[in-house]
Amino acid sequence: QVQLVESGGGLVQAGGSLRLSCAASERTFSSYAMGWFRQAPGKEREFVAAISWSGAGTYYANFVKGRFIISRDNAKSTVYLQMNILKPEDTAVYYCAARTRGIISTRAYEYIYWGQGTRVTVSS
């Protein structure tokens, strides 16, 4: 029963940066692949980025590749999403999610635990 809490969202101008954090409640976090997803109003939830249990493997949606970086600190039970060169199209609620396996997945249904989300708004 992993609890995930996202933070770091807010309002930023286009071209700016934000760093999102996701803190997990238990140390078994270190064995889980982690993902970031986002959902804009009227849109389906979409995959953003994922990281393997060790941090050695990462994968990004094409629309954020080269702009966003996912990382993790297992000692702190925390995963991060560094978002650079933000665009208005990045405006969404961003969700952190945990698998109970260590390998990456881009599929939301394969993630077991979810945070409450943090809002990111990018102005023109």
PDB file of N, CA and C in Angstrom:
ATOM      1  N   GLN A   1       0.840  -1.181   0.000  1.00  0.00           N
ATOM      2  CA  GLN A   1       0.000   0.000   0.000  1.00  0.00           C
ATOM      3  C   GLN A   1       0.880   1.237   0.000  1.00  0.00           C
ATOM      4  N   VAL A   2       1.449   1.506  -1.146  1.00  0.00           N
ATOM      5  CA  VAL A   2       2.374   2.621  -1.290  1.00  0.00           C
ATOM      6  C   VAL A   2       1.599   3.919  -1.457  1.00  0.00           C
ATOM      7  N   GLN A   3       1.969   4.901  -0.675  1.00  0.00           N
ATOM      8  CA  GLN A   3       1.428   6.246  -0.828  1.00  0.00           C
ATOM      9  C   GLN A   3       2.430   7.089  -1.613  1.00  0.00           C
ATOM     10  N   LEU A   4       1.939   7.799  -2.606  1.00  0.00           N
ATOM     11  CA  LEU A   4       2.766   8.656  -3.435  1.00  0.00           C
ATOM     12  C   LEU A   4       2.243  10.082  -3.357  1.00  0.00           C
ATOM     13  N   VAL A   5       3.140  11.019  -3.147  1.00  0.00           N
ATOM     14  CA  VAL A   5       2.760  12.424  -3.025  1.00  0.00           C
ATOM     15  C   VAL A   5       3.609  13.246  -3.973  1.00  0.00           C
ATOM     16  N   GLU A   6       2.949  13.869  -4.955  1.00  0.00           N
ATOM     17  CA  GLU A   6       3.638  14.730  -5.906  1.00  0.00           C
ATOM     18  C   GLU A   6       3.699  16.155  -5.382  1.00  0.00           C
ATOM     19  N   SER A   7       4.721  16.860  -5.800  1.00  0.00           N
ATOM     20  CA  SER A   7       4.844  18.270  -5.483  1.00  0.00           C
ATOM     21  C   SER A   7       5.670  18.946  -6.566  1.00  0.00           C
ATOM     22  N   GLY A   8       5.664  20.256  -6.565  1.00  0.00           N
ATOM     23  CA  GLY A   8       6.497  21.019  -7.473  1.00  0.00           C
ATOM     24  C   GLY A   8       5.777  21.653  -8.639  1.00  0.00           C
ATOM     25  N   GLY A   9       4.494  21.373  -8.785  1.00  0.00           N
ATOM     26  CA  GLY A   9       3.744  21.991  -9.863  1.00  0.00           C
ATOM     27  C   GLY A   9       3.507  23.466  -9.606  1.00  0.00           C
ATOM     28  N   GLY A  10       3.036  24.144 -10.625  1.00  0.00           N
ATOM     29  CA  GLY A  10       2.762  25.559 -10.499  1.00  0.00           C
ATOM     30  C   GLY A  10       2.589  26.211 -11.842  1.00  0.00           C
ATOM     31  N   LEU A  11       2.661  27.528 -11.840  1.00  0.00           N
ATOM     32  CA  LEU A  11       2.506  28.338 -13.040  1.00  0.00           C
ATOM     33  C   LEU A  11       3.871  28.791 -13.521  1.00  0.00           C
ATOM     34  N   VAL A  12       4.123  28.605 -14.799  1.00  0.00           N
ATOM     35  CA  VAL A  12       5.397  29.001 -15.388  1.00  0.00           C
ATOM     36  C   VAL A  12       5.145  29.507 -16.800  1.00  0.00           C
ATOM     37  N   GLN A  13       5.974  30.432 -17.240  1.00  0.00           N
ATOM     38  CA  GLN A  13       5.869  30.926 -18.604  1.00  0.00           C
ATOM     39  C   GLN A  13       6.506  29.957 -19.587  1.00  0.00           C
ATOM     40  N   ALA A  14       6.025  29.992 -20.809  1.00  0.00           N
ATOM     41  CA  ALA A  14       6.600  29.160 -21.856  1.00  0.00           C
ATOM     42  C   ALA A  14       8.104  29.373 -21.940  1.00  0.00           C
ATOM     43  N   GLY A  15       8.824  28.271 -22.079  1.00  0.00           N
ATOM     44  CA  GLY A  15      10.269  28.315 -22.103  1.00  0.00           C
ATOM     45  C   GLY A  15      10.915  28.118 -20.748  1.00  0.00           C
ATOM     46  N   GLY A  16      10.124  28.162 -19.696  1.00  0.00           N
ATOM     47  CA  GLY A  16      10.638  28.003 -18.354  1.00  0.00           C
ATOM     48  C   GLY A  16      10.765  26.555 -17.939  1.00  0.00           C
ATOM     49  N   SER A  17      11.131  26.359 -16.677  1.00  0.00           N
ATOM     50  CA  SER A  17      11.383  25.026 -16.143  1.00  0.00           C
ATOM     51  C   SER A  17      10.694  24.827 -14.807  1.00  0.00           C
ATOM     52  N   LEU A  18      10.370  23.577 -14.524  1.00  0.00           N
ATOM     53  CA  LEU A  18       9.880  23.150 -13.228  1.00  0.00           C
ATOM     54  C   LEU A  18      10.475  21.787 -12.917  1.00  0.00           C
ATOM     55  N   ARG A  19      10.614  21.481 -11.644  1.00  0.00           N
ATOM     56  CA  ARG A  19      10.987  20.148 -11.222  1.00  0.00           C
ATOM     57  C   ARG A  19       9.901  19.574 -10.336  1.00  0.00           C
ATOM     58  N   LEU A  20       9.320  18.476 -10.775  1.00  0.00           N
ATOM     59  CA  LEU A  20       8.329  17.772  -9.989  1.00  0.00           C
ATOM     60  C   LEU A  20       9.006  16.698  -9.147  1.00  0.00           C
ATOM     61  N   SER A  21       8.486  16.485  -7.956  1.00  0.00           N
ATOM     62  CA  SER A  21       8.970  15.441  -7.074  1.00  0.00           C
ATOM     63  C   SER A  21       7.829  14.518  -6.697  1.00  0.00           C
ATOM     64  N   CYS A  22       8.155  13.273  -6.456  1.00  0.00           N
ATOM     65  CA  CYS A  22       7.186  12.280  -6.018  1.00  0.00           C
ATOM     66  C   CYS A  22       7.819  11.485  -4.896  1.00  0.00           C
ATOM     67  N   ALA A  23       7.277  11.631  -3.709  1.00  0.00           N
ATOM     68  CA  ALA A  23       7.802  10.954  -2.531  1.00  0.00           C
ATOM     69  C   ALA A  23       6.957   9.729  -2.214  1.00  0.00           C
ATOM     70  N   ALA A  24       7.612   8.602  -2.013  1.00  0.00           N
ATOM     71  CA  ALA A  24       6.941   7.348  -1.707  1.00  0.00           C
ATOM     72  C   ALA A  24       7.027   7.041  -0.221  1.00  0.00           C
ATOM     73  N   SER A  25       6.052   6.296   0.259  1.00  0.00           N
ATOM     74  CA  SER A  25       5.911   6.061   1.691  1.00  0.00           C
ATOM     75  C   SER A  25       6.718   4.896   2.230  1.00  0.00           C
ATOM     76  N   GLU A  26       7.267   4.073   1.368  1.00  0.00           N
ATOM     77  CA  GLU A  26       7.972   2.902   1.846  1.00  0.00           C
ATOM     78  C   GLU A  26       9.230   2.654   1.037  1.00  0.00           C
ATOM     79  N   ARG A  27      10.152   1.923   1.638  1.00  0.00           N
ATOM     80  CA  ARG A  27      11.447   1.724   1.016  1.00  0.00           C
ATOM     81  C   ARG A  27      11.436   0.671  -0.077  1.00  0.00           C
ATOM     82  N   THR A  28      10.359  -0.112  -0.201  1.00  0.00           N
ATOM     83  CA  THR A  28      10.245  -1.019  -1.327  1.00  0.00           C
ATOM     84  C   THR A  28      10.116  -0.272  -2.648  1.00  0.00           C
ATOM     85  N   PHE A  29       9.925   1.027  -2.575  1.00  0.00           N
ATOM     86  CA  PHE A  29      10.016   1.914  -3.725  1.00  0.00           C
ATOM     87  C   PHE A  29      11.244   1.593  -4.569  1.00  0.00           C
ATOM     88  N   SER A  30      12.319   1.207  -3.921  1.00  0.00           N
ATOM     89  CA  SER A  30      13.575   0.990  -4.620  1.00  0.00           C
ATOM     90  C   SER A  30      13.531  -0.170  -5.598  1.00  0.00           C
ATOM     91  N   SER A  31      12.537  -1.040  -5.487  1.00  0.00           N
ATOM     92  CA  SER A  31      12.400  -2.172  -6.393  1.00  0.00           C
ATOM     93  C   SER A  31      11.376  -1.935  -7.501  1.00  0.00           C
ATOM     94  N   TYR A  32      10.742  -0.779  -7.508  1.00  0.00           N
ATOM     95  CA  TYR A  32       9.664  -0.496  -8.445  1.00  0.00           C
ATOM     96  C   TYR A  32      10.124   0.412  -9.581  1.00  0.00           C
ATOM     97  N   ALA A  33       9.727   0.065 -10.794  1.00  0.00           N
ATOM     98  CA  ALA A  33       9.778   1.052 -11.860  1.00  0.00           C
ATOM     99  C   ALA A  33       8.757   2.147 -11.564  1.00  0.00           C
ATOM    100  N   MET A  34       9.076   3.357 -11.965  1.00  0.00           N
ATOM    101  CA  MET A  34       8.218   4.502 -11.699  1.00  0.00           C
ATOM    102  C   MET A  34       7.908   5.230 -12.995  1.00  0.00           C
ATOM    103  N   GLY A  35       6.740   5.829 -13.035  1.00  0.00           N
ATOM    104  CA  GLY A  35       6.344   6.565 -14.220  1.00  0.00           C
ATOM    105  C   GLY A  35       5.694   7.887 -13.887  1.00  0.00           C
ATOM    106  N   TRP A  36       5.754   8.791 -14.848  1.00  0.00           N
ATOM    107  CA  TRP A  36       4.995  10.034 -14.814  1.00  0.00           C
ATOM    108  C   TRP A  36       3.989  10.024 -15.964  1.00  0.00           C
ATOM    109  N   PHE A  37       2.771  10.390 -15.643  1.00  0.00           N
ATOM    110  CA  PHE A  37       1.697  10.536 -16.613  1.00  0.00           C
ATOM    111  C   PHE A  37       1.090  11.919 -16.454  1.00  0.00           C
ATOM    112  N   ARG A  38       0.338  12.347 -17.443  1.00  0.00           N
ATOM    113  CA  ARG A  38      -0.332  13.633 -17.325  1.00  0.00           C
ATOM    114  C   ARG A  38      -1.707  13.570 -17.968  1.00  0.00           C
ATOM    115  N   GLN A  39      -2.574  14.464 -17.521  1.00  0.00           N
ATOM    116  CA  GLN A  39      -3.915  14.534 -18.066  1.00  0.00           C
ATOM    117  C   GLN A  39      -4.356  15.991 -18.128  1.00  0.00           C
ATOM    118  N   ALA A  40      -4.688  16.431 -19.325  1.00  0.00           N
ATOM    119  CA  ALA A  40      -5.227  17.760 -19.538  1.00  0.00           C
ATOM    120  C   ALA A  40      -6.748  17.684 -19.580  1.00  0.00           C
ATOM    121  N   PRO A  41      -7.429  18.792 -19.279  1.00  0.00           N
ATOM    122  CA  PRO A  41      -8.893  18.780 -19.322  1.00  0.00           C
ATOM    123  C   PRO A  41      -9.408  18.328 -20.679  1.00  0.00           C
ATOM    124  N   GLY A  42     -10.347  17.393 -20.651  1.00  0.00           N
ATOM    125  CA  GLY A  42     -10.930  16.889 -21.878  1.00  0.00           C
ATOM    126  C   GLY A  42     -10.071  15.908 -22.640  1.00  0.00           C
ATOM    127  N   LYS A  43      -8.918  15.560 -22.092  1.00  0.00           N
ATOM    128  CA  LYS A  43      -8.004  14.643 -22.762  1.00  0.00           C
ATOM    129  C   LYS A  43      -7.821  13.370 -21.941  1.00  0.00           C
ATOM    130  N   GLU A  44      -7.367  12.333 -22.609  1.00  0.00           N
ATOM    131  CA  GLU A  44      -7.056  11.090 -21.924  1.00  0.00           C
ATOM    132  C   GLU A  44      -5.715  11.204 -21.214  1.00  0.00           C
ATOM    133  N   ARG A  45      -5.559  10.424 -20.171  1.00  0.00           N
ATOM    134  CA  ARG A  45      -4.282  10.339 -19.490  1.00  0.00           C
ATOM    135  C   ARG A  45      -3.220   9.809 -20.454  1.00  0.00           C
ATOM    136  N   GLU A  46      -2.051  10.416 -20.458  1.00  0.00           N
ATOM    137  CA  GLU A  46      -1.016  10.004 -21.375  1.00  0.00           C
ATOM    138  C   GLU A  46       0.315   9.810 -20.661  1.00  0.00           C
ATOM    139  N   PHE A  47       1.089   8.910 -21.203  1.00  0.00           N
ATOM    140  CA  PHE A  47       2.404   8.605 -20.673  1.00  0.00           C
ATOM    141  C   PHE A  47       3.374   9.739 -20.947  1.00  0.00           C
ATOM    142  N   VAL A  48       4.217  10.038 -19.970  1.00  0.00           N
ATOM    143  CA  VAL A  48       5.225  11.077 -20.113  1.00  0.00           C
ATOM    144  C   VAL A  48       6.636  10.495 -20.065  1.00  0.00           C
ATOM    145  N   ALA A  49       6.948   9.772 -18.990  1.00  0.00           N
ATOM    146  CA  ALA A  49       8.294   9.249 -18.808  1.00  0.00           C
ATOM    147  C   ALA A  49       8.267   8.120 -17.798  1.00  0.00           C
ATOM    148  N   ALA A  50       9.259   7.237 -17.871  1.00  0.00           N
ATOM    149  CA  ALA A  50       9.372   6.147 -16.916  1.00  0.00           C
ATOM    150  C   ALA A  50      10.835   5.854 -16.639  1.00  0.00           C
ATOM    151  N   ILE A  51      11.077   5.241 -15.493  1.00  0.00           N
ATOM    152  CA  ILE A  51      12.430   4.908 -15.078  1.00  0.00           C
ATOM    153  C   ILE A  51      12.417   3.548 -14.405  1.00  0.00           C
ATOM    154  N   SER A  52      13.424   2.740 -14.698  1.00  0.00           N
ATOM    155  CA  SER A  52      13.511   1.404 -14.127  1.00  0.00           C
ATOM    156  C   SER A  52      13.855   1.477 -12.647  1.00  0.00           C
ATOM    157  N   TRP A  53      13.803   0.326 -12.007  1.00  0.00           N
ATOM    158  CA  TRP A  53      14.001   0.295 -10.555  1.00  0.00           C
ATOM    159  C   TRP A  53      15.336   0.884 -10.125  1.00  0.00           C
ATOM    160  N   SER A  54      16.370   0.653 -10.920  1.00  0.00           N
ATOM    161  CA  SER A  54      17.705   1.107 -10.560  1.00  0.00           C
ATOM    162  C   SER A  54      18.021   2.505 -11.073  1.00  0.00           C
ATOM    163  N   GLY A  55      17.205   2.995 -11.994  1.00  0.00           N
ATOM    164  CA  GLY A  55      17.502   4.249 -12.652  1.00  0.00           C
ATOM    165  C   GLY A  55      18.356   4.103 -13.892  1.00  0.00           C
ATOM    166  N   ALA A  56      18.793   2.876 -14.191  1.00  0.00           N
ATOM    167  CA  ALA A  56      19.654   2.661 -15.339  1.00  0.00           C
ATOM    168  C   ALA A  56      18.916   2.790 -16.661  1.00  0.00           C
ATOM    169  N   GLY A  57      17.629   2.521 -16.653  1.00  0.00           N
ATOM    170  CA  GLY A  57      16.841   2.608 -17.865  1.00  0.00           C
ATOM    171  C   GLY A  57      15.787   3.690 -17.773  1.00  0.00           C
ATOM    172  N   THR A  58      15.657   4.479 -18.817  1.00  0.00           N
ATOM    173  CA  THR A  58      14.628   5.513 -18.893  1.00  0.00           C
ATOM    174  C   THR A  58      13.964   5.464 -20.253  1.00  0.00           C
ATOM    175  N   TYR A  59      12.751   5.995 -20.310  1.00  0.00           N
ATOM    176  CA  TYR A  59      12.015   6.047 -21.560  1.00  0.00           C
ATOM    177  C   TYR A  59      11.107   7.256 -21.522  1.00  0.00           C
ATOM    178  N   TYR A  60      10.985   7.943 -22.663  1.00  0.00           N
ATOM    179  CA  TYR A  60      10.226   9.178 -22.739  1.00  0.00           C
ATOM    180  C   TYR A  60       9.234   9.157 -23.884  1.00  0.00           C
ATOM    181  N   ALA A  61       8.090   9.780 -23.659  1.00  0.00           N
ATOM    182  CA  ALA A  61       7.190  10.053 -24.761  1.00  0.00           C
ATOM    183  C   ALA A  61       7.882  10.986 -25.742  1.00  0.00           C
ATOM    184  N   ASN A  62       7.575  10.828 -27.019  1.00  0.00           N
ATOM    185  CA  ASN A  62       8.257  11.601 -28.041  1.00  0.00           C
ATOM    186  C   ASN A  62       8.078  13.108 -27.848  1.00  0.00           C
ATOM    187  N   PHE A  63       6.926  13.512 -27.347  1.00  0.00           N
ATOM    188  CA  PHE A  63       6.659  14.943 -27.255  1.00  0.00           C
ATOM    189  C   PHE A  63       7.406  15.636 -26.131  1.00  0.00           C
ATOM    190  N   VAL A  64       8.076  14.870 -25.258  1.00  0.00           N
ATOM    191  CA  VAL A  64       8.893  15.487 -24.214  1.00  0.00           C
ATOM    192  C   VAL A  64      10.369  15.145 -24.340  1.00  0.00           C
ATOM    193  N   LYS A  65      10.710  14.283 -25.261  1.00  0.00           N
ATOM    194  CA  LYS A  65      12.093  13.845 -25.413  1.00  0.00           C
ATOM    195  C   LYS A  65      12.997  15.039 -25.709  1.00  0.00           C
ATOM    196  N   GLY A  66      14.088  15.115 -24.971  1.00  0.00           N
ATOM    197  CA  GLY A  66      15.010  16.220 -25.127  1.00  0.00           C
ATOM    198  C   GLY A  66      14.690  17.415 -24.259  1.00  0.00           C
ATOM    199  N   ARG A  67      13.523  17.434 -23.640  1.00  0.00           N
ATOM    200  CA  ARG A  67      13.127  18.538 -22.771  1.00  0.00           C
ATOM    201  C   ARG A  67      12.985  18.115 -21.313  1.00  0.00           C
ATOM    202  N   PHE A  68      12.484  16.907 -21.087  1.00  0.00           N
ATOM    203  CA  PHE A  68      12.236  16.420 -19.735  1.00  0.00           C
ATOM    204  C   PHE A  68      13.264  15.358 -19.361  1.00  0.00           C
ATOM    205  N   ILE A  69      13.578  15.280 -18.076  1.00  0.00           N
ATOM    206  CA  ILE A  69      14.480  14.261 -17.557  1.00  0.00           C
ATOM    207  C   ILE A  69      13.862  13.632 -16.319  1.00  0.00           C
ATOM    208  N   ILE A  70      13.731  12.312 -16.334  1.00  0.00           N
ATOM    209  CA  ILE A  70      13.265  11.585 -15.162  1.00  0.00           C
ATOM    210  C   ILE A  70      14.472  11.025 -14.426  1.00  0.00           C
ATOM    211  N   SER A  71      14.426  11.072 -13.113  1.00  0.00           N
ATOM    212  CA  SER A  71      15.503  10.533 -12.296  1.00  0.00           C
ATOM    213  C   SER A  71      14.930  10.035 -10.979  1.00  0.00           C
ATOM    214  N   ARG A  72      15.755   9.342 -10.216  1.00  0.00           N
ATOM    215  CA  ARG A  72      15.284   8.850  -8.929  1.00  0.00           C
ATOM    216  C   ARG A  72      16.419   8.806  -7.928  1.00  0.00           C
ATOM    217  N   ASP A  73      16.044   8.877  -6.674  1.00  0.00           N
ATOM    218  CA  ASP A  73      16.966   8.740  -5.562  1.00  0.00           C
ATOM    219  C   ASP A  73      16.347   7.718  -4.627  1.00  0.00           C
ATOM    220  N   ASN A  74      16.797   6.477  -4.746  1.00  0.00           N
ATOM    221  CA  ASN A  74      16.181   5.413  -3.970  1.00  0.00           C
ATOM    222  C   ASN A  74      16.426   5.560  -2.468  1.00  0.00           C
ATOM    223  N   ALA A  75      17.533   6.167  -2.102  1.00  0.00           N
ATOM    224  CA  ALA A  75      17.803   6.407  -0.689  1.00  0.00           C
ATOM    225  C   ALA A  75      16.777   7.343  -0.076  1.00  0.00           C
ATOM    226  N   LYS A  76      16.204   8.223  -0.895  1.00  0.00           N
ATOM    227  CA  LYS A  76      15.184   9.166  -0.440  1.00  0.00           C
ATOM    228  C   LYS A  76      13.774   8.738  -0.824  1.00  0.00           C
ATOM    229  N   SER A  77      13.646   7.591  -1.478  1.00  0.00           N
ATOM    230  CA  SER A  77      12.350   7.092  -1.953  1.00  0.00           C
ATOM    231  C   SER A  77      11.617   8.161  -2.757  1.00  0.00           C
ATOM    232  N   THR A  78      12.337   8.782  -3.669  1.00  0.00           N
ATOM    233  CA  THR A  78      11.795   9.902  -4.422  1.00  0.00           C
ATOM    234  C   THR A  78      12.152   9.780  -5.899  1.00  0.00           C
ATOM    235  N   VAL A  79      11.192  10.117  -6.750  1.00  0.00           N
ATOM    236  CA  VAL A  79      11.422  10.203  -8.182  1.00  0.00           C
ATOM    237  C   VAL A  79      11.148  11.638  -8.615  1.00  0.00           C
ATOM    238  N   TYR A  80      11.885  12.094  -9.612  1.00  0.00           N
ATOM    239  CA  TYR A  80      11.803  13.477 -10.058  1.00  0.00           C
ATOM    240  C   TYR A  80      11.482  13.543 -11.542  1.00  0.00           C
ATOM    241  N   LEU A  81      10.879  14.640 -11.923  1.00  0.00           N
ATOM    242  CA  LEU A  81      10.710  14.955 -13.334  1.00  0.00           C
ATOM    243  C   LEU A  81      11.148  16.396 -13.540  1.00  0.00           C
ATOM    244  N   GLN A  82      12.311  16.561 -14.138  1.00  0.00           N
ATOM    245  CA  GLN A  82      12.802  17.884 -14.490  1.00  0.00           C
ATOM    246  C   GLN A  82      12.228  18.254 -15.844  1.00  0.00           C
ATOM    247  N   MET A  83      11.484  19.337 -15.895  1.00  0.00           N
ATOM    248  CA  MET A  83      10.799  19.761 -17.107  1.00  0.00           C
ATOM    249  C   MET A  83      11.407  21.077 -17.569  1.00  0.00           C
ATOM    250  N   ASN A  84      11.969  21.065 -18.757  1.00  0.00           N
ATOM    251  CA  ASN A  84      12.609  22.237 -19.336  1.00  0.00           C
ATOM    252  C   ASN A  84      11.913  22.622 -20.633  1.00  0.00           C
ATOM    253  N   ILE A  85      12.129  23.852 -21.040  1.00  0.00           N
ATOM    254  CA  ILE A  85      11.562  24.389 -22.277  1.00  0.00           C
ATOM    255  C   ILE A  85      10.075  24.069 -22.339  1.00  0.00           C
ATOM    256  N   LEU A  86       9.387  24.419 -21.291  1.00  0.00           N
ATOM    257  CA  LEU A  86       7.970  24.097 -21.192  1.00  0.00           C
ATOM    258  C   LEU A  86       7.155  24.845 -22.231  1.00  0.00           C
ATOM    259  N   LYS A  87       6.126  24.178 -22.710  1.00  0.00           N
ATOM    260  CA  LYS A  87       5.223  24.707 -23.717  1.00  0.00           C
ATOM    261  C   LYS A  87       3.814  24.773 -23.156  1.00  0.00           C
ATOM    262  N   PRO A  88       2.967  25.651 -23.687  1.00  0.00           N
ATOM    263  CA  PRO A  88       1.573  25.666 -23.228  1.00  0.00           C
ATOM    264  C   PRO A  88       0.894  24.308 -23.340  1.00  0.00           C
ATOM    265  N   GLU A  89       1.276  23.512 -24.319  1.00  0.00           N
ATOM    266  CA  GLU A  89       0.710  22.186 -24.498  1.00  0.00           C
ATOM    267  C   GLU A  89       1.068  21.222 -23.367  1.00  0.00           C
ATOM    268  N   ASP A  90       2.041  21.585 -22.533  1.00  0.00           N
ATOM    269  CA  ASP A  90       2.406  20.765 -21.386  1.00  0.00           C
ATOM    270  C   ASP A  90       1.479  20.977 -20.197  1.00  0.00           C
ATOM    271  N   THR A  91       0.577  21.927 -20.294  1.00  0.00           N
ATOM    272  CA  THR A  91      -0.352  22.201 -19.206  1.00  0.00           C
ATOM    273  C   THR A  91      -1.219  20.976 -18.931  1.00  0.00           C
ATOM    274  N   ALA A  92      -1.181  20.505 -17.694  1.00  0.00           N
ATOM    275  CA  ALA A  92      -1.907  19.293 -17.319  1.00  0.00           C
ATOM    276  C   ALA A  92      -1.718  19.045 -15.830  1.00  0.00           C
ATOM    277  N   VAL A  93      -2.475  18.096 -15.319  1.00  0.00           N
ATOM    278  CA  VAL A  93      -2.184  17.529 -14.010  1.00  0.00           C
ATOM    279  C   VAL A  93      -1.217  16.378 -14.218  1.00  0.00           C
ATOM    280  N   TYR A  94      -0.124  16.401 -13.507  1.00  0.00           N
ATOM    281  CA  TYR A  94       0.904  15.379 -13.630  1.00  0.00           C
ATOM    282  C   TYR A  94       0.813  14.399 -12.471  1.00  0.00           C
ATOM    283  N   TYR A  95       0.820  13.117 -12.801  1.00  0.00           N
ATOM    284  CA  TYR A  95       0.673  12.053 -11.823  1.00  0.00           C
ATOM    285  C   TYR A  95       1.914  11.176 -11.770  1.00  0.00           C
ATOM    286  N   CYS A  96       2.319  10.852 -10.586  1.00  0.00           N
ATOM    287  CA  CYS A  96       3.365   9.883 -10.341  1.00  0.00           C
ATOM    288  C   CYS A  96       2.720   8.519 -10.115  1.00  0.00           C
ATOM    289  N   ALA A  97       3.339   7.466 -10.634  1.00  0.00           N
ATOM    290  CA  ALA A  97       2.792   6.126 -10.487  1.00  0.00           C
ATOM    291  C   ALA A  97       3.900   5.114 -10.265  1.00  0.00           C
ATOM    292  N   ALA A  98       3.573   4.062  -9.544  1.00  0.00           N
ATOM    293  CA  ALA A  98       4.529   3.013  -9.213  1.00  0.00           C
ATOM    294  C   ALA A  98       4.030   1.661  -9.690  1.00  0.00           C
ATOM    295  N   ARG A  99       4.932   0.895 -10.272  1.00  0.00           N
ATOM    296  CA  ARG A  99       4.680  -0.508 -10.561  1.00  0.00           C
ATOM    297  C   ARG A  99       5.097  -1.353  -9.365  1.00  0.00           C
ATOM    298  N   THR A 100       4.728  -2.617  -9.393  1.00  0.00           N
ATOM    299  CA  THR A 100       5.264  -3.584  -8.439  1.00  0.00           C
ATOM    300  C   THR A 100       6.327  -4.449  -9.091  1.00  0.00           C
ATOM    301  N   ARG A 101       6.759  -4.065 -10.285  1.00  0.00           N
ATOM    302  CA  ARG A 101       7.867  -4.683 -10.988  1.00  0.00           C
ATOM    303  C   ARG A 101       8.920  -3.626 -11.268  1.00  0.00           C
ATOM    304  N   GLY A 102      10.108  -4.073 -11.610  1.00  0.00           N
ATOM    305  CA  GLY A 102      11.207  -3.143 -11.771  1.00  0.00           C
ATOM    306  C   GLY A 102      11.430  -2.625 -13.173  1.00  0.00           C
ATOM    307  N   ILE A 103      10.800  -3.253 -14.173  1.00  0.00           N
ATOM    308  CA  ILE A 103      11.037  -2.871 -15.554  1.00  0.00           C
ATOM    309  C   ILE A 103      10.059  -1.793 -15.985  1.00  0.00           C
ATOM    310  N   ILE A 104      10.458  -1.026 -16.985  1.00  0.00           N
ATOM    311  CA  ILE A 104       9.675   0.100 -17.477  1.00  0.00           C
ATOM    312  C   ILE A 104       8.413  -0.364 -18.197  1.00  0.00           C
ATOM    313  N   SER A 105       7.344   0.396 -18.007  1.00  0.00           N
ATOM    314  CA  SER A 105       6.143   0.253 -18.809  1.00  0.00           C
ATOM    315  C   SER A 105       5.633   1.638 -19.180  1.00  0.00           C
ATOM    316  N   THR A 106       5.050   1.757 -20.365  1.00  0.00           N
ATOM    317  CA  THR A 106       4.395   2.990 -20.786  1.00  0.00           C
ATOM    318  C   THR A 106       2.883   2.923 -20.622  1.00  0.00           C
ATOM    319  N   ARG A 107       2.386   1.823 -20.105  1.00  0.00           N
ATOM    320  CA  ARG A 107       0.949   1.570 -20.039  1.00  0.00           C
ATOM    321  C   ARG A 107       0.419   1.871 -18.642  1.00  0.00           C
ATOM    322  N   ALA A 108      -0.549   2.762 -18.577  1.00  0.00           N
ATOM    323  CA  ALA A 108      -1.075   3.180 -17.282  1.00  0.00           C
ATOM    324  C   ALA A 108      -1.642   2.018 -16.479  1.00  0.00           C
ATOM    325  N   TYR A 109      -2.263   1.072 -17.163  1.00  0.00           N
ATOM    326  CA  TYR A 109      -2.915  -0.019 -16.440  1.00  0.00           C
ATOM    327  C   TYR A 109      -1.931  -0.951 -15.759  1.00  0.00           C
ATOM    328  N   GLU A 110      -0.671  -0.866 -16.109  1.00  0.00           N
ATOM    329  CA  GLU A 110       0.339  -1.701 -15.469  1.00  0.00           C
ATOM    330  C   GLU A 110       0.922  -1.067 -14.208  1.00  0.00           C
ATOM    331  N   TYR A 111       0.490   0.123 -13.882  1.00  0.00           N
ATOM    332  CA  TYR A 111       0.922   0.783 -12.659  1.00  0.00           C
ATOM    333  C   TYR A 111      -0.125   0.589 -11.571  1.00  0.00           C
ATOM    334  N   ILE A 112       0.340   0.272 -10.378  1.00  0.00           N
ATOM    335  CA  ILE A 112      -0.541  -0.126  -9.300  1.00  0.00           C
ATOM    336  C   ILE A 112      -0.895   1.031  -8.377  1.00  0.00           C
ATOM    337  N   TYR A 113       0.075   1.868  -8.067  1.00  0.00           N
ATOM    338  CA  TYR A 113      -0.111   2.950  -7.108  1.00  0.00           C
ATOM    339  C   TYR A 113       0.028   4.291  -7.798  1.00  0.00           C
ATOM    340  N   TRP A 114      -0.825   5.229  -7.395  1.00  0.00           N
ATOM    341  CA  TRP A 114      -0.880   6.548  -8.015  1.00  0.00           C
ATOM    342  C   TRP A 114      -0.927   7.639  -6.973  1.00  0.00           C
ATOM    343  N   GLY A 115      -0.274   8.735  -7.280  1.00  0.00           N
ATOM    344  CA  GLY A 115      -0.390   9.923  -6.457  1.00  0.00           C
ATOM    345  C   GLY A 115      -1.629  10.719  -6.799  1.00  0.00           C
ATOM    346  N   GLN A 116      -1.810  11.815  -6.088  1.00  0.00           N
ATOM    347  CA  GLN A 116      -3.002  12.643  -6.258  1.00  0.00           C
ATOM    348  C   GLN A 116      -2.879  13.639  -7.401  1.00  0.00           C
ATOM    349  N   GLY A 117      -1.693  13.813  -7.908  1.00  0.00           N
ATOM    350  CA  GLY A 117      -1.450  14.721  -9.005  1.00  0.00           C
ATOM    351  C   GLY A 117      -1.000  16.095  -8.548  1.00  0.00           C
ATOM    352  N   THR A 118      -0.245  16.760  -9.408  1.00  0.00           N
ATOM    353  CA  THR A 118       0.159  18.140  -9.181  1.00  0.00           C
ATOM    354  C   THR A 118      -0.039  18.913 -10.486  1.00  0.00           C
ATOM    355  N   ARG A 119      -0.609  20.099 -10.378  1.00  0.00           N
ATOM    356  CA  ARG A 119      -0.971  20.861 -11.570  1.00  0.00           C
ATOM    357  C   ARG A 119       0.214  21.653 -12.101  1.00  0.00           C
ATOM    358  N   VAL A 120       0.368  21.597 -13.401  1.00  0.00           N
ATOM    359  CA  VAL A 120       1.358  22.392 -14.111  1.00  0.00           C
ATOM    360  C   VAL A 120       0.620  23.240 -15.136  1.00  0.00           C
ATOM    361  N   THR A 121       0.811  24.536 -15.071  1.00  0.00           N
ATOM    362  CA  THR A 121       0.199  25.458 -16.022  1.00  0.00           C
ATOM    363  C   THR A 121       1.296  26.263 -16.697  1.00  0.00           C
ATOM    364  N   VAL A 122       1.324  26.218 -18.005  1.00  0.00           N
ATOM    365  CA  VAL A 122       2.336  26.922 -18.784  1.00  0.00           C
ATOM    366  C   VAL A 122       1.642  27.998 -19.602  1.00  0.00           C
ATOM    367  N   SER A 123       1.985  29.240 -19.349  1.00  0.00           N
ATOM    368  CA  SER A 123       1.362  30.356 -20.041  1.00  0.00           C
ATOM    369  C   SER A 123       2.159  30.741 -21.278  1.00  0.00           C
ATOM    370  N   SER A 124       1.461  31.341 -22.237  1.00  0.00           N
ATOM    371  CA  SER A 124       2.092  31.755 -23.485  1.00  0.00           C
ATOM    372  C   SER A 124       2.955  32.988 -23.284  1.00  0.00           C
TER     373      SER A 124
END
